[in-house]
Amino acid sequence: MPKTIKKVGVLTSGGDSPGMNAAIRSVVRTCAYHNIECIGIYRGYQGMIEGDFKEMGPRSVNNIVNKGGTILKSARSLEFKTSEGRKKAHENLTKAGIDALVVIGGDGTFTGGLLFNTEFNFPVMGIPGTIDNDIFGTSHTLGYDTALNTVVDVIDKIRDTASSHNRLFFVEVMGRDAGHIALNAGIGAGAEEILIPEENLGLDRLLESLQKSKASGKSSSIVVIAEGDKIGKNVFELKDYVEANLPEYDVRVSVLGHMQRGGSPSCFDRVLASRLGVKAVESLLEGKSNYMVGLQNDKVALTPLEQAIKGKTMIDRELLRVSDIMST
């Protein structure tokens, strides 16, 4: 018989992303709809260890659907990586009468939730929240769409300056292990080249491409670079290399950094968060555990947490081809 769920805990962990607050709101209100209690756990797994809990009702999540970041805060927890820390966390959940967890975050968050379930047979459901869109089992993670729109908006502004001064701009975006932001935003913003970790463009091809752009009459260029691209040089070293080999270019660098994680979530992310929150709570009530709720072919679907953690997201090869054609 599945465990009867009367009280659900919700937490956010790892890097924040737009849409996390909308997901918290969805979890809280779905619990209220089904007449069960919801407890907010502050500062992720560290808050579980310290018993930093607060009861949440429908009115406690008013006016947060439009806010970036997370009202529950987020923190890394080294203590949770120890069996003693996890035991303390379990004792606090038991004392508070919490029967199940909804964890919002990325693969580190899911790894912690899966381990916790294995040790204590505690029901866990995951919601993917990371702007990098690098979680297997969902076409979109919370915050990805918002980050794309932020990056495209910034590149549009940079292009105005690039065109005015006949400059080459290297724009570095987030994506240490996945180039989804760089590829999609690069195409959307009309970048001449896009460097991503999944593909090794090579320095020679980059120089050749920039030379062709110059020869074809382009007076300015934008190159979008994922922070983990395979050329192996950081963006400032790349700037120096290009200036040394193509002195006709006046090169500037813009590192977008954490602005990509902030800001009001897009409508898409708000709706996605609402759908995933409902599915997470209702799946727990159906006796399911150790799943991530995600979007597959525009339908909300479940993926085993272990698969979500170990699976590898693939870059869209068709988008790479589109990018090559658009840079002509």
Protein backbone atom coordinates (compact mmCIF):
# COMPACT_ATOMS: atom_id res chain seq x y z
CA MET A 1 0.00 0.00 0.00
CA PRO A 2 1.37 3.45 -0.89
CA LYS A 3 2.05 5.77 2.00
CA THR A 4 -0.79 8.20 2.80
CA ILE A 5 0.43 11.73 2.12
CA LYS A 6 -0.91 14.38 4.49
CA LYS A 7 1.90 16.94 4.47
CA VAL A 8 4.30 17.81 1.64
CA GLY A 9 7.59 19.68 2.00
CA VAL A 10 8.90 21.83 -0.87
CA LEU A 11 12.43 23.18 -1.33
CA THR A 12 14.62 24.85 -3.93
CA SER A 13 18.27 23.92 -4.22
CA GLY A 14 21.31 24.71 -6.37
CA GLY A 15 21.37 27.72 -8.68
CA ASP A 16 18.19 29.78 -8.81
CA SER A 17 16.21 30.17 -12.01
CA PRO A 18 13.18 32.22 -13.10
CA GLY A 19 10.06 30.14 -12.60
CA MET A 20 11.06 28.60 -9.27
CA ASN A 21 8.64 30.87 -7.39
CA ALA A 22 5.86 29.97 -9.81
CA ALA A 23 6.60 26.28 -9.13
CA ILE A 24 6.53 26.82 -5.35
CA ARG A 25 3.18 28.57 -5.76
CA SER A 26 1.85 25.68 -7.82
CA VAL A 27 2.96 23.08 -5.26
CA VAL A 28 1.44 25.04 -2.36
CA ARG A 29 -1.90 25.64 -4.08
CA THR A 30 -2.16 22.07 -5.40
CA CYS A 31 -1.69 20.83 -1.83
CA ALA A 32 -4.44 23.19 -0.67
CA TYR A 33 -6.72 22.03 -3.49
CA HIS A 34 -6.32 18.42 -2.30
CA ASN A 35 -6.73 19.41 1.38
CA ILE A 36 -3.21 18.50 2.46
CA GLU A 37 -0.66 20.69 4.21
CA CYS A 38 2.42 22.19 2.60
CA ILE A 39 5.62 23.14 4.39
CA GLY A 40 8.23 25.42 2.86
CA ILE A 41 11.82 24.34 3.57
CA TYR A 42 14.22 27.29 3.49
CA ARG A 43 17.77 27.12 2.03
CA GLY A 44 17.37 23.69 0.44
CA TYR A 45 18.87 20.62 2.08
CA GLN A 46 20.71 22.77 4.61
CA GLY A 47 17.34 24.02 5.84
CA MET A 48 16.19 20.42 6.19
CA ILE A 49 19.14 19.72 8.45
CA GLU A 50 18.50 22.84 10.54
CA GLY A 51 14.70 22.45 10.65
CA ASP A 52 14.12 25.78 8.92
CA PHE A 53 10.47 25.10 8.04
CA LYS A 54 7.43 27.31 7.56
CA GLU A 55 3.82 26.33 6.94
CA MET A 56 2.56 27.67 3.61
CA GLY A 57 -1.01 28.24 2.46
CA PRO A 58 -2.58 29.63 -0.73
CA ARG A 59 -2.31 33.25 0.47
CA SER A 60 1.36 32.90 1.46
CA VAL A 61 2.27 32.57 -2.23
CA ASN A 62 0.31 35.60 -3.45
CA ASN A 63 2.12 37.81 -5.97
CA ILE A 64 5.17 35.60 -6.48
CA VAL A 65 4.33 34.09 -9.89
CA ASN A 66 6.04 37.07 -11.56
CA LYS A 67 9.15 37.15 -9.38
CA GLY A 68 12.55 35.71 -10.29
CA GLY A 69 14.79 33.90 -7.80
CA THR A 70 13.22 31.83 -5.01
CA ILE A 71 11.38 32.98 -1.88
CA LEU A 72 12.55 29.77 -0.17
CA LYS A 73 16.19 30.73 -0.81
CA SER A 74 18.83 28.29 -1.99
CA ALA A 75 22.09 27.04 -0.52
CA ARG A 76 24.74 24.38 -1.10
CA SER A 77 24.94 21.88 1.75
CA LEU A 78 28.14 19.96 2.37
CA GLU A 79 26.60 18.53 5.53
CA PHE A 80 23.82 16.86 3.54
CA LYS A 81 26.49 14.88 1.69
CA THR A 82 27.23 13.04 4.96
CA SER A 83 25.05 10.25 6.34
CA GLU A 84 24.89 12.10 9.68
CA GLY A 85 23.54 15.21 7.97
CA ARG A 86 20.89 13.27 6.08
CA LYS A 87 19.87 11.45 9.27
CA LYS A 88 19.40 14.79 11.03
CA ALA A 89 17.33 16.02 8.07
CA HIS A 90 15.12 12.92 8.22
CA GLU A 91 14.57 13.35 11.95
CA ASN A 92 13.46 16.95 11.39
CA LEU A 93 11.03 15.96 8.63
CA THR A 94 9.58 13.20 10.81
CA LYS A 95 9.22 15.55 13.78
CA ALA A 96 7.39 18.06 11.56
CA GLY A 97 5.09 15.33 10.20
CA ILE A 98 6.24 15.83 6.60
CA ASP A 99 5.41 12.75 4.51
CA ALA A 100 6.93 13.60 1.11
CA LEU A 101 9.21 16.07 -0.67
CA VAL A 102 9.05 18.12 -3.86
CA VAL A 103 12.59 19.25 -4.74
CA ILE A 104 13.12 21.97 -7.34
CA GLY A 105 16.57 22.24 -8.93
CA GLY A 106 19.08 20.49 -11.16
CA ASP A 107 20.97 17.20 -11.17
CA GLY A 108 22.70 17.92 -7.84
CA THR A 109 19.31 18.50 -6.22
CA PHE A 110 17.95 15.31 -7.76
CA THR A 111 21.01 13.30 -6.67
CA GLY A 112 20.43 14.42 -3.08
CA GLY A 113 16.73 13.56 -3.27
CA LEU A 114 17.39 10.12 -4.75
CA LEU A 115 19.97 9.29 -2.07
CA PHE A 116 17.60 10.48 0.66
CA ASN A 117 14.85 8.23 -0.69
CA THR A 118 17.18 5.24 -0.90
CA GLU A 119 18.28 5.61 2.72
CA PHE A 120 14.91 6.42 4.32
CA ASN A 121 12.30 5.24 1.79
CA PHE A 122 11.02 8.81 1.75
CA PRO A 123 8.78 9.82 -1.21
CA VAL A 124 10.52 12.39 -3.45
CA MET A 125 9.42 14.14 -6.64
CA GLY A 126 11.67 16.46 -8.66
CA ILE A 127 10.92 19.58 -10.72
CA PRO A 128 13.75 20.67 -13.08
CA GLY A 129 14.87 24.25 -12.40
CA THR A 130 18.01 25.42 -14.21
CA ILE A 131 18.55 27.92 -17.02
CA ASP A 132 21.04 25.60 -18.77
CA ASN A 133 18.29 23.20 -19.96
CA ASP A 134 20.68 20.30 -19.37
CA ILE A 135 18.36 17.84 -17.59
CA PHE A 136 17.42 14.64 -19.41
CA GLY A 137 13.70 13.86 -19.71
CA THR A 138 12.34 17.34 -20.40
CA SER A 139 12.47 19.60 -23.44
CA HIS A 140 12.47 22.67 -21.18
CA THR A 141 13.70 23.29 -17.64
CA LEU A 142 12.33 26.16 -15.56
CA GLY A 143 14.13 29.39 -16.40
CA TYR A 144 15.52 28.33 -19.77
CA ASP A 145 12.99 30.25 -21.86
CA THR A 146 13.40 33.37 -19.72
CA ALA A 147 17.20 33.18 -19.98
CA LEU A 148 16.97 32.89 -23.78
CA ASN A 149 14.82 36.00 -23.99
CA THR A 150 17.18 37.89 -21.70
CA VAL A 151 20.22 36.94 -23.80
CA VAL A 152 18.55 37.83 -27.11
CA ASP A 153 17.46 41.20 -25.72
CA VAL A 154 21.00 41.99 -24.55
CA ILE A 155 22.60 40.88 -27.85
CA ASP A 156 20.15 43.09 -29.76
CA LYS A 157 21.44 46.04 -27.74
CA ILE A 158 25.08 45.02 -28.21
CA ARG A 159 24.55 44.77 -31.98
CA ASP A 160 23.53 48.45 -32.08
CA THR A 161 26.93 49.38 -30.67
CA ALA A 162 28.78 46.82 -32.80
CA SER A 163 27.21 48.26 -35.98
CA SER A 164 27.88 51.86 -34.96
CA HIS A 165 31.60 51.24 -34.40
CA ASN A 166 32.32 48.42 -36.87
CA ARG A 167 33.31 46.10 -34.04
CA LEU A 168 33.47 42.38 -33.39
CA PHE A 169 31.79 41.38 -30.11
CA PHE A 170 32.35 38.13 -28.24
CA VAL A 171 29.32 37.55 -26.02
CA GLU A 172 29.77 34.85 -23.37
CA VAL A 173 26.62 33.16 -22.07
CA MET A 174 26.07 30.50 -19.43
CA GLY A 175 26.33 26.83 -20.36
CA ARG A 176 29.42 25.13 -18.95
CA ASP A 177 28.34 21.67 -20.12
CA ALA A 178 25.50 22.43 -22.52
CA GLY A 179 25.21 24.87 -25.39
CA HIS A 180 21.43 25.20 -25.56
CA ILE A 181 21.39 28.87 -24.52
CA ALA A 182 24.23 29.84 -26.87
CA LEU A 183 22.81 27.96 -29.88
CA ASN A 184 19.21 29.11 -29.60
CA ALA A 185 19.95 32.67 -28.52
CA GLY A 186 22.69 32.91 -31.15
CA ILE A 187 20.27 31.98 -33.92
CA GLY A 188 17.54 34.20 -32.48
CA ALA A 189 19.87 37.20 -32.26
CA GLY A 190 21.52 36.63 -35.64
CA ALA A 191 25.05 35.79 -34.43
CA GLU A 192 27.70 35.19 -37.09
CA GLU A 193 29.26 32.31 -35.12
CA ILE A 194 28.20 30.22 -32.14
CA LEU A 195 30.69 28.28 -29.99
CA ILE A 196 29.27 25.49 -27.82
CA PRO A 197 30.78 22.65 -25.72
CA GLU A 198 29.14 19.95 -27.86
CA GLU A 199 31.03 21.01 -31.00
CA ASN A 200 34.69 21.81 -31.58
CA LEU A 201 34.67 24.60 -34.14
CA GLY A 202 38.44 25.09 -33.92
CA LEU A 203 40.38 28.32 -33.99
CA ASP A 204 41.26 28.07 -37.68
CA ARG A 205 37.61 27.75 -38.71
CA LEU A 206 36.65 30.65 -36.48
CA LEU A 207 39.28 32.87 -38.10
CA GLU A 208 38.21 31.69 -41.55
CA SER A 209 34.58 32.46 -40.79
CA LEU A 210 35.40 35.94 -39.52
CA GLN A 211 37.54 36.61 -42.62
CA LYS A 212 34.64 35.54 -44.85
CA SER A 213 32.28 37.82 -42.95
CA LYS A 214 34.64 40.74 -43.47
CA ALA A 215 35.11 39.91 -47.17
CA SER A 216 31.35 39.63 -47.72
CA GLY A 217 30.89 43.20 -46.57
CA LYS A 218 29.86 42.71 -42.95
CA SER A 219 31.19 45.66 -40.99
CA SER A 220 30.41 44.16 -37.57
CA SER A 221 29.98 40.67 -36.14
CA ILE A 222 28.60 38.96 -33.05
CA VAL A 223 30.07 35.67 -31.82
CA VAL A 224 28.10 33.93 -29.04
CA ILE A 225 30.22 31.69 -26.81
CA ALA A 226 28.99 29.19 -24.22
CA GLU A 227 31.26 29.38 -21.16
CA GLY A 228 32.29 25.73 -21.69
CA ASP A 229 33.02 25.75 -25.42
CA LYS A 230 35.67 23.33 -26.71
CA ILE A 231 38.09 25.82 -28.24
CA GLY A 232 39.70 25.71 -24.82
CA LYS A 233 40.48 29.38 -24.33
CA ASN A 234 38.52 31.73 -22.12
CA VAL A 235 36.76 34.54 -23.90
CA PHE A 236 39.48 37.12 -23.16
CA GLU A 237 42.25 34.85 -24.46
CA LEU A 238 40.11 34.31 -27.56
CA LYS A 239 39.84 38.07 -28.03
CA ASP A 240 43.64 38.43 -27.86
CA TYR A 241 44.12 35.54 -30.33
CA VAL A 242 41.72 37.01 -32.89
CA GLU A 243 43.20 40.50 -32.60
CA ALA A 244 46.70 39.05 -33.12
CA ASN A 245 45.63 37.15 -36.23
CA LEU A 246 43.01 39.52 -37.64
CA PRO A 247 44.28 43.00 -36.73
CA GLU A 248 41.57 44.60 -38.90
CA TYR A 249 39.03 43.67 -36.22
CA ASP A 250 38.37 45.85 -33.18
CA VAL A 251 37.25 43.23 -30.63
CA ARG A 252 35.13 43.73 -27.52
CA VAL A 253 33.97 41.21 -24.90
CA SER A 254 30.68 41.06 -22.99
CA VAL A 255 30.24 38.41 -20.29
CA LEU A 256 26.53 38.29 -19.48
CA GLY A 257 26.97 36.30 -16.27
CA HIS A 258 24.26 36.14 -13.64
CA MET A 259 21.90 38.59 -15.31
CA GLN A 260 20.77 35.51 -17.28
CA ARG A 261 19.47 33.90 -14.08
CA GLY A 262 17.47 36.88 -12.87
CA GLY A 263 14.39 38.77 -13.86
CA SER A 264 10.69 38.14 -14.15
CA PRO A 265 9.93 34.71 -15.70
CA SER A 266 8.44 34.56 -19.17
CA CYS A 267 4.83 33.48 -19.66
CA PHE A 268 6.10 30.13 -20.93
CA ASP A 269 8.09 29.51 -17.72
CA ARG A 270 5.17 30.56 -15.51
CA VAL A 271 2.79 28.16 -17.26
CA LEU A 272 5.37 25.36 -17.29
CA ALA A 273 6.05 25.82 -13.56
CA SER A 274 2.32 25.70 -12.82
CA ARG A 275 1.87 22.48 -14.82
CA LEU A 276 4.88 20.75 -13.28
CA GLY A 277 3.91 21.71 -9.71
CA VAL A 278 0.44 20.21 -10.11
CA LYS A 279 1.83 17.00 -11.59
CA ALA A 280 4.49 16.66 -8.87
CA VAL A 281 2.01 16.83 -6.00
CA GLU A 282 -0.64 14.68 -7.67
CA SER A 283 1.98 12.03 -8.55
CA LEU A 284 2.98 11.84 -4.87
CA LEU A 285 -0.69 11.44 -3.90
CA GLU A 286 -0.93 8.57 -6.39
CA GLY A 287 1.89 6.81 -4.53
CA LYS A 288 4.65 7.58 -7.04
CA SER A 289 8.17 8.50 -5.95
CA ASN A 290 11.66 9.03 -7.38
CA TYR A 291 10.45 10.72 -10.54
CA MET A 292 11.11 14.05 -12.21
CA VAL A 293 8.17 15.82 -13.81
CA GLY A 294 9.10 17.30 -17.17
CA LEU A 295 7.81 18.36 -20.57
CA GLN A 296 7.92 15.86 -23.45
CA ASN A 297 6.22 16.71 -26.76
CA ASP A 298 4.34 19.46 -24.90
CA LYS A 299 2.87 16.91 -22.45
CA VAL A 300 3.82 16.67 -18.78
CA ALA A 301 5.53 13.31 -18.25
CA LEU A 302 7.48 11.44 -15.57
CA THR A 303 11.13 10.38 -15.86
CA PRO A 304 12.84 8.26 -13.18
CA LEU A 305 15.16 10.52 -11.16
CA GLU A 306 18.12 8.23 -11.79
CA GLN A 307 17.56 8.52 -15.54
CA ALA A 308 17.16 12.31 -15.31
CA ILE A 309 20.51 12.50 -13.49
CA LYS A 310 22.49 10.09 -15.67
CA GLY A 311 20.88 10.75 -19.05
CA LYS A 312 22.56 13.15 -21.45
CA THR A 313 20.72 15.91 -23.24
CA MET A 314 21.54 16.18 -26.93
CA ILE A 315 22.02 19.32 -28.95
CA ASP A 316 19.61 19.73 -31.86
CA ARG A 317 21.66 18.91 -35.00
CA GLU A 318 19.10 20.62 -37.21
CA LEU A 319 19.66 23.86 -35.28
CA LEU A 320 23.40 23.56 -35.92
CA ARG A 321 22.67 23.31 -39.65
CA VAL A 322 20.32 26.29 -39.46
CA SER A 323 23.04 28.24 -37.65
CA ASP A 324 25.57 27.49 -40.42
CA ILE A 325 23.14 28.61 -43.12
CA MET A 326 22.17 31.78 -41.26
CA SER A 327 25.80 32.85 -40.84
CA THR A 328 26.30 32.94 -44.62
